[in-house]
Amino acid sequence: MGQLGSILPLILLVVVFYFLLIRPQRKRQQEAIKMQNSLAPGARVMTTTGLFGTVVAVDNDDVVLEVAPGIETRWVKAAIGRVVTPGDAPARDDSDDSTHDEPVERDGGQDSNSKQA
């Protein structure tokens, strides 16, 4: 009975690791594989490196992405991180850095000594 008491915490630790680490990771892997296998031309995707593109063609394990008009690159399906829906697109910041509320003084390339003269 004493040996069971010393092995029980180890068994409990293995069970906790399974439910907290191993099981969620497997679920994410299965979802990623399902998403990669369901890719179709016209889908907007983001690669694992952060490159956005549109799927042009899908071969066995390859995907051809159009990253700019007329620019196509070939990627492995496993490199596709997620499918981007229009709501997932990052919001653009339309503020222009060249417009300020305060006027900017410019000396026209003159040093301070020539201004006094």
C-alpha atoms as a PDB file:
ATOM      1  CA  MET A   1       0.000   0.000   0.000  1.00  0.00           C
ATOM      2  CA  GLY A   2       2.946   2.333   0.654  1.00  0.00           C
ATOM      3  CA  GLN A   3       4.286   1.919  -2.880  1.00  0.00           C
ATOM      4  CA  LEU A   4       0.930   2.858  -4.391  1.00  0.00           C
ATOM      5  CA  GLY A   5       0.968   6.061  -2.338  1.00  0.00           C
ATOM      6  CA  SER A   6       4.364   7.028  -3.765  1.00  0.00           C
ATOM      7  CA  ILE A   7       3.458   6.142  -7.385  1.00  0.00           C
ATOM      8  CA  LEU A   8       0.036   7.828  -7.332  1.00  0.00           C
ATOM      9  CA  PRO A   9       1.408  11.431  -7.547  1.00  0.00           C
ATOM     10  CA  LEU A  10       3.524  10.418 -10.553  1.00  0.00           C
ATOM     11  CA  ILE A  11       0.496   8.896 -12.309  1.00  0.00           C
ATOM     12  CA  LEU A  12      -1.541  11.992 -11.484  1.00  0.00           C
ATOM     13  CA  LEU A  13       1.210  14.196 -12.932  1.00  0.00           C
ATOM     14  CA  VAL A  14       1.224  12.220 -16.204  1.00  0.00           C
ATOM     15  CA  VAL A  15      -2.565  12.539 -16.483  1.00  0.00           C
ATOM     16  CA  VAL A  16      -2.417  16.300 -15.862  1.00  0.00           C
ATOM     17  CA  PHE A  17       0.319  16.715 -18.505  1.00  0.00           C
ATOM     18  CA  TYR A  18      -1.781  14.768 -20.985  1.00  0.00           C
ATOM     19  CA  PHE A  19      -4.876  16.924 -20.520  1.00  0.00           C
ATOM     20  CA  LEU A  20      -3.049  20.263 -20.290  1.00  0.00           C
ATOM     21  CA  LEU A  21      -0.308  19.857 -22.898  1.00  0.00           C
ATOM     22  CA  ILE A  22      -0.519  16.833 -25.170  1.00  0.00           C
ATOM     23  CA  ARG A  23      -4.237  16.733 -25.929  1.00  0.00           C
ATOM     24  CA  PRO A  24      -4.626  20.450 -26.859  1.00  0.00           C
ATOM     25  CA  GLN A  25      -1.516  20.277 -29.070  1.00  0.00           C
ATOM     26  CA  ARG A  26      -2.902  17.273 -30.967  1.00  0.00           C
ATOM     27  CA  LYS A  27      -6.202  19.070 -31.423  1.00  0.00           C
ATOM     28  CA  ARG A  28      -4.429  22.139 -32.881  1.00  0.00           C
ATOM     29  CA  GLN A  29      -2.403  19.919 -35.234  1.00  0.00           C
ATOM     30  CA  GLN A  30      -5.528  18.151 -36.475  1.00  0.00           C
ATOM     31  CA  GLU A  31      -7.292  21.478 -37.061  1.00  0.00           C
ATOM     32  CA  ALA A  32      -4.270  22.821 -38.970  1.00  0.00           C
ATOM     33  CA  ILE A  33      -4.122  19.730 -41.183  1.00  0.00           C
ATOM     34  CA  LYS A  34      -7.872  19.960 -41.830  1.00  0.00           C
ATOM     35  CA  MET A  35      -7.519  23.651 -42.785  1.00  0.00           C
ATOM     36  CA  GLN A  36      -4.535  22.944 -45.054  1.00  0.00           C
ATOM     37  CA  ASN A  37      -6.359  20.125 -46.823  1.00  0.00           C
ATOM     38  CA  SER A  38      -9.420  22.323 -47.417  1.00  0.00           C
ATOM     39  CA  LEU A  39      -7.487  25.087 -49.226  1.00  0.00           C
ATOM     40  CA  ALA A  40      -9.036  26.119 -52.524  1.00  0.00           C
ATOM     41  CA  PRO A  41      -8.104  28.690 -55.175  1.00  0.00           C
ATOM     42  CA  GLY A  42      -9.274  32.177 -54.254  1.00  0.00           C
ATOM     43  CA  ALA A  43      -8.787  31.757 -50.508  1.00  0.00           C
ATOM     44  CA  ARG A  44      -6.868  34.537 -48.760  1.00  0.00           C
ATOM     45  CA  VAL A  45      -4.241  33.023 -46.442  1.00  0.00           C
ATOM     46  CA  MET A  46      -1.398  33.963 -44.122  1.00  0.00           C
ATOM     47  CA  THR A  47       1.743  31.828 -43.998  1.00  0.00           C
ATOM     48  CA  THR A  48       3.470  30.886 -40.765  1.00  0.00           C
ATOM     49  CA  THR A  49       6.048  33.596 -41.522  1.00  0.00           C
ATOM     50  CA  GLY A  50       3.366  36.296 -41.812  1.00  0.00           C
ATOM     51  CA  LEU A  51       3.171  36.635 -45.598  1.00  0.00           C
ATOM     52  CA  PHE A  52      -0.338  37.281 -46.920  1.00  0.00           C
ATOM     53  CA  GLY A  53      -1.418  35.931 -50.281  1.00  0.00           C
ATOM     54  CA  THR A  54      -4.239  34.498 -52.341  1.00  0.00           C
ATOM     55  CA  VAL A  55      -4.285  30.814 -53.272  1.00  0.00           C
ATOM     56  CA  VAL A  56      -3.960  30.430 -57.038  1.00  0.00           C
ATOM     57  CA  ALA A  57      -3.468  26.665 -57.334  1.00  0.00           C
ATOM     58  CA  VAL A  58      -3.248  23.654 -55.040  1.00  0.00           C
ATOM     59  CA  ASP A  59      -1.075  20.670 -55.950  1.00  0.00           C
ATOM     60  CA  ASN A  60      -0.501  17.554 -53.812  1.00  0.00           C
ATOM     61  CA  ASP A  61       1.617  19.092 -51.040  1.00  0.00           C
ATOM     62  CA  ASP A  62       2.197  22.498 -52.638  1.00  0.00           C
ATOM     63  CA  VAL A  63       0.217  25.720 -52.784  1.00  0.00           C
ATOM     64  CA  VAL A  64       0.832  28.526 -55.264  1.00  0.00           C
ATOM     65  CA  LEU A  65       0.194  31.928 -53.700  1.00  0.00           C
ATOM     66  CA  GLU A  66      -0.193  35.249 -55.446  1.00  0.00           C
ATOM     67  CA  VAL A  67       1.423  37.763 -53.093  1.00  0.00           C
ATOM     68  CA  ALA A  68       1.100  40.736 -55.459  1.00  0.00           C
ATOM     69  CA  PRO A  69      -0.498  41.179 -58.871  1.00  0.00           C
ATOM     70  CA  GLY A  70       1.490  38.921 -61.205  1.00  0.00           C
ATOM     71  CA  ILE A  71       3.842  37.643 -58.456  1.00  0.00           C
ATOM     72  CA  GLU A  72       3.302  33.973 -57.629  1.00  0.00           C
ATOM     73  CA  THR A  73       5.278  31.862 -55.173  1.00  0.00           C
ATOM     74  CA  ARG A  74       5.147  28.157 -54.354  1.00  0.00           C
ATOM     75  CA  TRP A  75       4.757  27.068 -50.728  1.00  0.00           C
ATOM     76  CA  VAL A  76       4.380  23.780 -48.897  1.00  0.00           C
ATOM     77  CA  LYS A  77       0.876  23.336 -47.448  1.00  0.00           C
ATOM     78  CA  ALA A  78       2.339  23.037 -43.950  1.00  0.00           C
ATOM     79  CA  ALA A  79       3.597  26.642 -44.265  1.00  0.00           C
ATOM     80  CA  ILE A  80       0.038  27.986 -44.412  1.00  0.00           C
ATOM     81  CA  GLY A  81      -0.762  29.283 -40.941  1.00  0.00           C
ATOM     82  CA  ARG A  82      -4.384  30.319 -41.340  1.00  0.00           C
ATOM     83  CA  VAL A  83      -7.098  31.331 -43.740  1.00  0.00           C
ATOM     84  CA  VAL A  84      -7.819  35.043 -43.443  1.00  0.00           C
ATOM     85  CA  THR A  85     -11.413  36.180 -43.554  1.00  0.00           C
ATOM     86  CA  PRO A  86     -12.266  39.805 -44.366  1.00  0.00           C
ATOM     87  CA  GLY A  87     -12.949  40.513 -40.667  1.00  0.00           C
ATOM     88  CA  ASP A  88      -9.445  39.286 -39.711  1.00  0.00           C
ATOM     89  CA  ALA A  89      -7.615  41.846 -41.848  1.00  0.00           C
ATOM     90  CA  PRO A  90      -5.608  44.327 -39.769  1.00  0.00           C
ATOM     91  CA  ALA A  91      -7.131  47.772 -39.526  1.00  0.00           C
ATOM     92  CA  ARG A  92      -5.255  50.424 -41.504  1.00  0.00           C
ATOM     93  CA  ASP A  93      -4.103  53.531 -39.728  1.00  0.00           C
ATOM     94  CA  ASP A  94      -5.104  56.339 -42.098  1.00  0.00           C
ATOM     95  CA  SER A  95      -3.318  59.032 -40.106  1.00  0.00           C
ATOM     96  CA  ASP A  96      -0.610  60.736 -42.136  1.00  0.00           C
ATOM     97  CA  ASP A  97       2.649  61.469 -40.336  1.00  0.00           C
ATOM     98  CA  SER A  98       3.315  64.521 -42.531  1.00  0.00           C
ATOM     99  CA  THR A  99       0.365  66.467 -41.115  1.00  0.00           C
ATOM    100  CA  HIS A 100       0.852  67.941 -37.680  1.00  0.00           C
ATOM    101  CA  ASP A 101      -1.166  70.320 -35.588  1.00  0.00           C
ATOM    102  CA  GLU A 102       1.911  72.424 -34.872  1.00  0.00           C
ATOM    103  CA  PRO A 103       3.947  74.132 -37.605  1.00  0.00           C
ATOM    104  CA  VAL A 104       7.484  72.870 -38.007  1.00  0.00           C
ATOM    105  CA  GLU A 105      10.277  75.454 -38.140  1.00  0.00           C
ATOM    106  CA  ARG A 106      12.925  74.832 -40.725  1.00  0.00           C
ATOM    107  CA  ASP A 107      16.113  76.792 -40.969  1.00  0.00           C
ATOM    108  CA  GLY A 108      16.615  76.149 -44.662  1.00  0.00           C
ATOM    109  CA  GLY A 109      20.034  74.592 -44.126  1.00  0.00           C
ATOM    110  CA  GLN A 110      21.491  77.717 -42.468  1.00  0.00           C
ATOM    111  CA  ASP A 111      23.432  77.536 -39.241  1.00  0.00           C
ATOM    112  CA  SER A 112      22.587  79.781 -36.317  1.00  0.00           C
ATOM    113  CA  ASN A 113      25.409  82.274 -37.054  1.00  0.00           C
ATOM    114  CA  SER A 114      24.195  83.103 -40.566  1.00  0.00           C
ATOM    115  CA  LYS A 115      20.631  83.722 -39.277  1.00  0.00           C
ATOM    116  CA  GLN A 116      21.804  86.562 -37.076  1.00  0.00           C
ATOM    117  CA  ALA A 117      23.544  88.387 -39.902  1.00  0.00           C
END
